[in-house]
Amino acid sequence: MTAIHVSVPVRLLEEFDQTIGFHHSRSRKISQLMKHHLEQEGMIVDDCTTRQLMAFLAARDDCDEVLSALLLQILTKSL
C-alpha cells in the first residue's frame, strides 16, 4: 500500500463521511471508488445522486429545451 495526501473541500469531506458512515474506512472507500472509476467508462447511474443526474441531463446537447429549463429551475430552487 502507498499513502497519499489529498486536499478536498471541508463540505465535500463531511458529505462523503455521511455517505460511508462510521463503520467504514475512508481509505478503503476511496480505493474502491478509484478502482471502480478505472474499470468503468462514463457515469455510473447507481453512484449518482438525483441532483447530479438532473444536472447531467440539463447539460446534455440532446436534452429538450423545456426539460432542460425545468431541470435547471428545480436545481436552482434546491440550493
Protein backbone atom coordinates (compact mmCIF):
# COMPACT_ATOMS: atom_id res chain seq x y z
CA MET A 1 0.00 0.00 0.00
CA THR A 2 1.03 3.58 -0.65
CA ALA A 3 -0.10 6.52 1.45
CA ILE A 4 -1.15 9.68 -0.37
CA HIS A 5 -2.26 13.13 0.72
CA VAL A 6 -5.38 14.57 -0.87
CA SER A 7 -6.86 18.02 -0.30
CA VAL A 8 -10.64 18.28 -0.52
CA PRO A 9 -13.13 20.96 0.47
CA VAL A 10 -14.38 20.55 4.03
CA ARG A 11 -18.03 20.28 2.97
CA LEU A 12 -17.20 17.56 0.45
CA LEU A 13 -15.44 15.55 3.14
CA GLU A 14 -18.37 16.00 5.50
CA GLU A 15 -20.82 14.78 2.85
CA PHE A 16 -18.52 11.86 1.99
CA ASP A 17 -18.28 10.85 5.65
CA GLN A 18 -22.08 10.94 5.93
CA THR A 19 -22.42 8.54 3.00
CA ILE A 20 -19.92 5.99 4.26
CA GLY A 21 -20.94 6.08 7.93
CA PHE A 22 -18.81 5.39 10.97
CA HIS A 23 -18.23 1.69 10.32
CA HIS A 24 -16.35 2.11 7.05
CA SER A 25 -12.85 3.24 6.22
CA ARG A 26 -12.36 6.38 4.14
CA SER A 27 -9.22 4.91 2.63
CA ARG A 28 -10.94 1.70 1.65
CA LYS A 29 -13.91 3.52 0.11
CA ILE A 30 -11.67 5.92 -1.84
CA SER A 31 -9.64 2.97 -3.11
CA GLN A 32 -12.84 1.23 -4.20
CA LEU A 33 -14.03 4.39 -5.97
CA MET A 34 -10.69 4.76 -7.77
CA LYS A 35 -10.76 1.11 -8.86
CA HIS A 36 -14.37 1.42 -9.98
CA HIS A 37 -13.54 4.57 -11.94
CA LEU A 38 -10.66 2.86 -13.74
CA GLU A 39 -12.76 -0.20 -14.56
CA GLN A 40 -15.78 1.69 -15.88
CA GLU A 41 -16.24 4.22 -18.63
CA GLY A 42 -18.63 7.12 -18.26
CA MET A 43 -21.02 7.90 -15.47
CA ILE A 44 -22.40 5.14 -13.29
CA VAL A 45 -26.05 5.95 -12.69
CA ASP A 46 -26.25 3.93 -9.46
CA ASP A 47 -23.50 6.05 -7.90
CA CYS A 48 -25.05 9.41 -8.77
CA THR A 49 -27.36 11.49 -6.66
CA THR A 50 -30.63 12.67 -8.15
CA ARG A 51 -29.20 16.19 -8.23
CA GLN A 52 -26.15 15.01 -10.20
CA LEU A 53 -28.34 13.16 -12.69
CA MET A 54 -30.59 16.19 -13.16
CA ALA A 55 -27.57 18.46 -13.74
CA PHE A 56 -26.11 15.96 -16.21
CA LEU A 57 -29.36 15.79 -18.16
CA ALA A 58 -29.76 19.57 -18.23
CA ALA A 59 -26.24 19.93 -19.65
CA ARG A 60 -26.71 17.45 -22.50
CA ASP A 61 -26.93 18.81 -26.03
CA ASP A 62 -29.79 16.49 -26.89
CA CYS A 63 -31.94 17.48 -23.89
CA ASP A 64 -35.25 19.08 -24.85
CA GLU A 65 -35.23 22.83 -24.10
CA VAL A 66 -38.35 22.63 -21.91
CA LEU A 67 -36.98 19.72 -19.90
CA SER A 68 -33.62 21.47 -19.55
CA ALA A 69 -35.31 24.65 -18.30
CA LEU A 70 -37.39 22.70 -15.78
CA LEU A 71 -34.38 20.79 -14.51
CA LEU A 72 -32.37 23.98 -14.12
CA GLN A 73 -35.28 25.62 -12.30
CA ILE A 74 -35.52 22.70 -9.88
CA LEU A 75 -31.76 22.62 -9.34
CA THR A 76 -31.69 26.36 -8.61
CA LYS A 77 -34.52 26.12 -6.07
CA SER A 78 -32.88 23.26 -4.17
CA LEU A 79 -29.75 25.31 -3.36
